[in-house]
Amino acid sequence: MDKKTISTAALLGMIAIILGAFGAHALKKVLSIEQLATFETGVRYQMYHALFLLFIGLLPVLNSKTKKIIYNLVLFGVLLFSGSIYLLATNGLTPIDFRVIGFVTPIGGLLLISAWTVLLYNITKKSDKN
């Protein structure tokens, strides 16, 4: 599980850097300041959670089951939260109206918050035993 978690963290981080550079250079010419800021929010949260997954993969005090729960919450959270933000920020660049998927952004955010909550609960639970 640790190898998969760290590999996913590396992939999410790499994609965040690519999308950040794409936004800063290519999208800067075609998006408004507000749309670009929205896009950058998606990149920022993706990178935060890539680093979070890296931390989880390297953290020895969590058991495999907890790591798997956090992994799934983060992966689906990033896909829904950042993914929907990317589509919504670039909505005007395609003939598809992505505003209909706007409801998944807060669901993704809730999944990300849940991942942090699972970490907090498990770390607190472990420290109570010591």
C-alpha atoms as a PDB file:
ATOM      1  CA  MET A   1       0.000   0.000   0.000  1.00  0.00           C
ATOM      2  CA  ASP A   2       2.835   2.411   0.807  1.00  0.00           C
ATOM      3  CA  LYS A   3       4.380   2.045  -2.657  1.00  0.00           C
ATOM      4  CA  LYS A   4       0.997   2.645  -4.299  1.00  0.00           C
ATOM      5  CA  THR A   5       0.312   5.657  -2.064  1.00  0.00           C
ATOM      6  CA  ILE A   6       3.719   7.224  -2.692  1.00  0.00           C
ATOM      7  CA  SER A   7       3.464   6.526  -6.434  1.00  0.00           C
ATOM      8  CA  THR A   8       0.030   8.147  -6.565  1.00  0.00           C
ATOM      9  CA  ALA A   9       1.386  11.109  -4.584  1.00  0.00           C
ATOM     10  CA  ALA A  10       4.192  11.497  -7.116  1.00  0.00           C
ATOM     11  CA  LEU A  11       1.757  11.291 -10.035  1.00  0.00           C
ATOM     12  CA  LEU A  12      -0.657  13.820  -8.510  1.00  0.00           C
ATOM     13  CA  GLY A  13       2.253  16.148  -7.742  1.00  0.00           C
ATOM     14  CA  MET A  14       3.641  15.841 -11.253  1.00  0.00           C
ATOM     15  CA  ILE A  15       0.233  16.525 -12.808  1.00  0.00           C
ATOM     16  CA  ALA A  16      -0.260  19.519 -10.494  1.00  0.00           C
ATOM     17  CA  ILE A  17       3.040  21.016 -11.668  1.00  0.00           C
ATOM     18  CA  ILE A  18       2.152  20.409 -15.320  1.00  0.00           C
ATOM     19  CA  LEU A  19      -1.302  21.943 -14.898  1.00  0.00           C
ATOM     20  CA  GLY A  20       0.129  24.861 -12.912  1.00  0.00           C
ATOM     21  CA  ALA A  21       2.596  25.616 -15.687  1.00  0.00           C
ATOM     22  CA  PHE A  22      -0.129  25.178 -18.308  1.00  0.00           C
ATOM     23  CA  GLY A  23      -2.343  27.596 -16.411  1.00  0.00           C
ATOM     24  CA  ALA A  24       0.414  30.150 -15.908  1.00  0.00           C
ATOM     25  CA  HIS A  25       1.457  30.141 -19.549  1.00  0.00           C
ATOM     26  CA  ALA A  26      -1.182  28.862 -21.974  1.00  0.00           C
ATOM     27  CA  LEU A  27      -4.391  29.568 -20.058  1.00  0.00           C
ATOM     28  CA  LYS A  28      -3.229  33.012 -18.967  1.00  0.00           C
ATOM     29  CA  LYS A  29      -3.959  34.189 -22.493  1.00  0.00           C
ATOM     30  CA  VAL A  30      -7.515  32.823 -22.697  1.00  0.00           C
ATOM     31  CA  LEU A  31      -8.964  32.926 -19.166  1.00  0.00           C
ATOM     32  CA  SER A  32     -10.061  35.871 -17.087  1.00  0.00           C
ATOM     33  CA  ILE A  33      -8.207  36.705 -13.875  1.00  0.00           C
ATOM     34  CA  GLU A  34     -11.044  35.100 -11.868  1.00  0.00           C
ATOM     35  CA  GLN A  35     -11.049  31.925 -13.964  1.00  0.00           C
ATOM     36  CA  LEU A  36      -7.284  31.650 -13.697  1.00  0.00           C
ATOM     37  CA  ALA A  37      -7.452  32.098  -9.912  1.00  0.00           C
ATOM     38  CA  THR A  38     -10.081  29.350  -9.767  1.00  0.00           C
ATOM     39  CA  PHE A  39      -7.899  27.052 -11.871  1.00  0.00           C
ATOM     40  CA  GLU A  40      -4.930  27.771  -9.589  1.00  0.00           C
ATOM     41  CA  THR A  41      -7.058  26.829  -6.573  1.00  0.00           C
ATOM     42  CA  GLY A  42      -7.560  23.389  -8.102  1.00  0.00           C
ATOM     43  CA  VAL A  43      -3.812  23.054  -8.708  1.00  0.00           C
ATOM     44  CA  ARG A  44      -2.969  24.200  -5.176  1.00  0.00           C
ATOM     45  CA  TYR A  45      -5.324  21.738  -3.487  1.00  0.00           C
ATOM     46  CA  GLN A  46      -4.132  18.936  -5.741  1.00  0.00           C
ATOM     47  CA  MET A  47      -0.537  19.645  -4.703  1.00  0.00           C
ATOM     48  CA  TYR A  48      -1.463  19.906  -1.015  1.00  0.00           C
ATOM     49  CA  HIS A  49      -3.021  16.477  -1.211  1.00  0.00           C
ATOM     50  CA  ALA A  50      -0.188  14.983  -3.245  1.00  0.00           C
ATOM     51  CA  LEU A  51       2.096  15.999  -0.371  1.00  0.00           C
ATOM     52  CA  PHE A  52      -0.463  14.682   2.128  1.00  0.00           C
ATOM     53  CA  LEU A  53      -0.466  11.277   0.403  1.00  0.00           C
ATOM     54  CA  LEU A  54       3.322  11.264   0.401  1.00  0.00           C
ATOM     55  CA  PHE A  55       3.255  11.908   4.144  1.00  0.00           C
ATOM     56  CA  ILE A  56       0.668   9.143   4.675  1.00  0.00           C
ATOM     57  CA  GLY A  57       2.742   6.689   2.649  1.00  0.00           C
ATOM     58  CA  LEU A  58       5.783   7.404   4.785  1.00  0.00           C
ATOM     59  CA  LEU A  59       3.992   7.535   8.156  1.00  0.00           C
ATOM     60  CA  PRO A  60       4.792   4.340  10.088  1.00  0.00           C
ATOM     61  CA  VAL A  61       2.201   4.753  12.866  1.00  0.00           C
ATOM     62  CA  LEU A  62      -0.859   4.164  10.652  1.00  0.00           C
ATOM     63  CA  ASN A  63      -2.018   0.663   9.830  1.00  0.00           C
ATOM     64  CA  SER A  64      -2.690  -0.511   6.284  1.00  0.00           C
ATOM     65  CA  LYS A  65      -6.464  -0.265   6.591  1.00  0.00           C
ATOM     66  CA  THR A  66      -6.306   3.375   7.717  1.00  0.00           C
ATOM     67  CA  LYS A  67      -3.844   4.251   4.964  1.00  0.00           C
ATOM     68  CA  LYS A  68      -6.144   2.664   2.391  1.00  0.00           C
ATOM     69  CA  ILE A  69      -9.141   4.644   3.653  1.00  0.00           C
ATOM     70  CA  ILE A  70      -7.176   7.907   3.538  1.00  0.00           C
ATOM     71  CA  TYR A  71      -5.763   7.018   0.105  1.00  0.00           C
ATOM     72  CA  ASN A  72      -9.243   6.455  -1.355  1.00  0.00           C
ATOM     73  CA  LEU A  73     -10.693   9.584   0.236  1.00  0.00           C
ATOM     74  CA  VAL A  74      -7.839  11.722  -1.094  1.00  0.00           C
ATOM     75  CA  LEU A  75      -7.819  10.184  -4.563  1.00  0.00           C
ATOM     76  CA  PHE A  76     -11.559  10.588  -5.107  1.00  0.00           C
ATOM     77  CA  GLY A  77     -11.539  13.933  -3.315  1.00  0.00           C
ATOM     78  CA  VAL A  78      -8.878  15.340  -5.636  1.00  0.00           C
ATOM     79  CA  LEU A  79     -10.607  13.934  -8.711  1.00  0.00           C
ATOM     80  CA  LEU A  80     -13.936  15.494  -7.741  1.00  0.00           C
ATOM     81  CA  PHE A  81     -12.682  18.726  -6.156  1.00  0.00           C
ATOM     82  CA  SER A  82      -9.735  19.728  -8.345  1.00  0.00           C
ATOM     83  CA  GLY A  83     -11.068  17.958 -11.429  1.00  0.00           C
ATOM     84  CA  SER A  84     -14.365  19.812 -11.324  1.00  0.00           C
ATOM     85  CA  ILE A  85     -12.596  23.103 -10.644  1.00  0.00           C
ATOM     86  CA  TYR A  86     -10.403  22.601 -13.729  1.00  0.00           C
ATOM     87  CA  LEU A  87     -13.464  21.941 -15.862  1.00  0.00           C
ATOM     88  CA  LEU A  88     -15.473  24.819 -14.397  1.00  0.00           C
ATOM     89  CA  ALA A  89     -12.603  27.313 -14.752  1.00  0.00           C
ATOM     90  CA  THR A  90     -12.115  26.399 -18.412  1.00  0.00           C
ATOM     91  CA  ASN A  91     -15.835  26.028 -19.146  1.00  0.00           C
ATOM     92  CA  GLY A  92     -15.855  28.702 -21.833  1.00  0.00           C
ATOM     93  CA  LEU A  93     -13.124  26.993 -23.864  1.00  0.00           C
ATOM     94  CA  THR A  94     -15.262  24.017 -24.904  1.00  0.00           C
ATOM     95  CA  PRO A  95     -18.752  23.590 -26.319  1.00  0.00           C
ATOM     96  CA  ILE A  96     -19.639  21.442 -23.268  1.00  0.00           C
ATOM     97  CA  ASP A  97     -21.280  23.238 -20.351  1.00  0.00           C
ATOM     98  CA  PHE A  98     -19.501  21.880 -17.287  1.00  0.00           C
ATOM     99  CA  ARG A  99     -21.577  23.944 -14.858  1.00  0.00           C
ATOM    100  CA  VAL A 100     -23.873  20.934 -14.471  1.00  0.00           C
ATOM    101  CA  ILE A 101     -21.099  19.122 -12.573  1.00  0.00           C
ATOM    102  CA  GLY A 102     -20.554  21.995 -10.140  1.00  0.00           C
ATOM    103  CA  PHE A 103     -22.293  20.030  -7.385  1.00  0.00           C
ATOM    104  CA  VAL A 104     -19.382  17.561  -7.186  1.00  0.00           C
ATOM    105  CA  THR A 105     -16.881  20.214  -6.063  1.00  0.00           C
ATOM    106  CA  PRO A 106     -18.150  20.337  -2.455  1.00  0.00           C
ATOM    107  CA  ILE A 107     -18.454  16.539  -2.407  1.00  0.00           C
ATOM    108  CA  GLY A 108     -14.772  16.341  -3.330  1.00  0.00           C
ATOM    109  CA  GLY A 109     -13.978  18.886  -0.639  1.00  0.00           C
ATOM    110  CA  LEU A 110     -15.897  16.818   1.905  1.00  0.00           C
ATOM    111  CA  LEU A 111     -13.887  13.731   0.928  1.00  0.00           C
ATOM    112  CA  LEU A 112     -10.628  15.658   1.421  1.00  0.00           C
ATOM    113  CA  ILE A 113     -11.770  16.910   4.820  1.00  0.00           C
ATOM    114  CA  SER A 114     -12.767  13.351   5.700  1.00  0.00           C
ATOM    115  CA  ALA A 115      -9.265  12.104   4.875  1.00  0.00           C
ATOM    116  CA  TRP A 116      -7.753  14.602   7.301  1.00  0.00           C
ATOM    117  CA  THR A 117     -10.386  13.645   9.886  1.00  0.00           C
ATOM    118  CA  VAL A 118      -9.469   9.964   9.577  1.00  0.00           C
ATOM    119  CA  LEU A 119      -5.811  10.878  10.123  1.00  0.00           C
ATOM    120  CA  LEU A 120      -6.649  13.022  13.162  1.00  0.00           C
ATOM    121  CA  TYR A 121      -8.859  10.329  14.667  1.00  0.00           C
ATOM    122  CA  ASN A 122      -6.280   7.582  14.195  1.00  0.00           C
ATOM    123  CA  ILE A 123      -3.353   9.635  15.477  1.00  0.00           C
ATOM    124  CA  THR A 124      -5.372  10.749  18.500  1.00  0.00           C
ATOM    125  CA  LYS A 125      -6.530   7.182  19.138  1.00  0.00           C
ATOM    126  CA  LYS A 126      -2.934   5.935  18.992  1.00  0.00           C
ATOM    127  CA  SER A 127      -1.565   8.633  21.286  1.00  0.00           C
ATOM    128  CA  ASP A 128      -4.279   7.872  23.869  1.00  0.00           C
ATOM    129  CA  LYS A 129      -2.884   4.332  24.167  1.00  0.00           C
ATOM    130  CA  ASN A 130       0.613   5.603  25.010  1.00  0.00           C
END
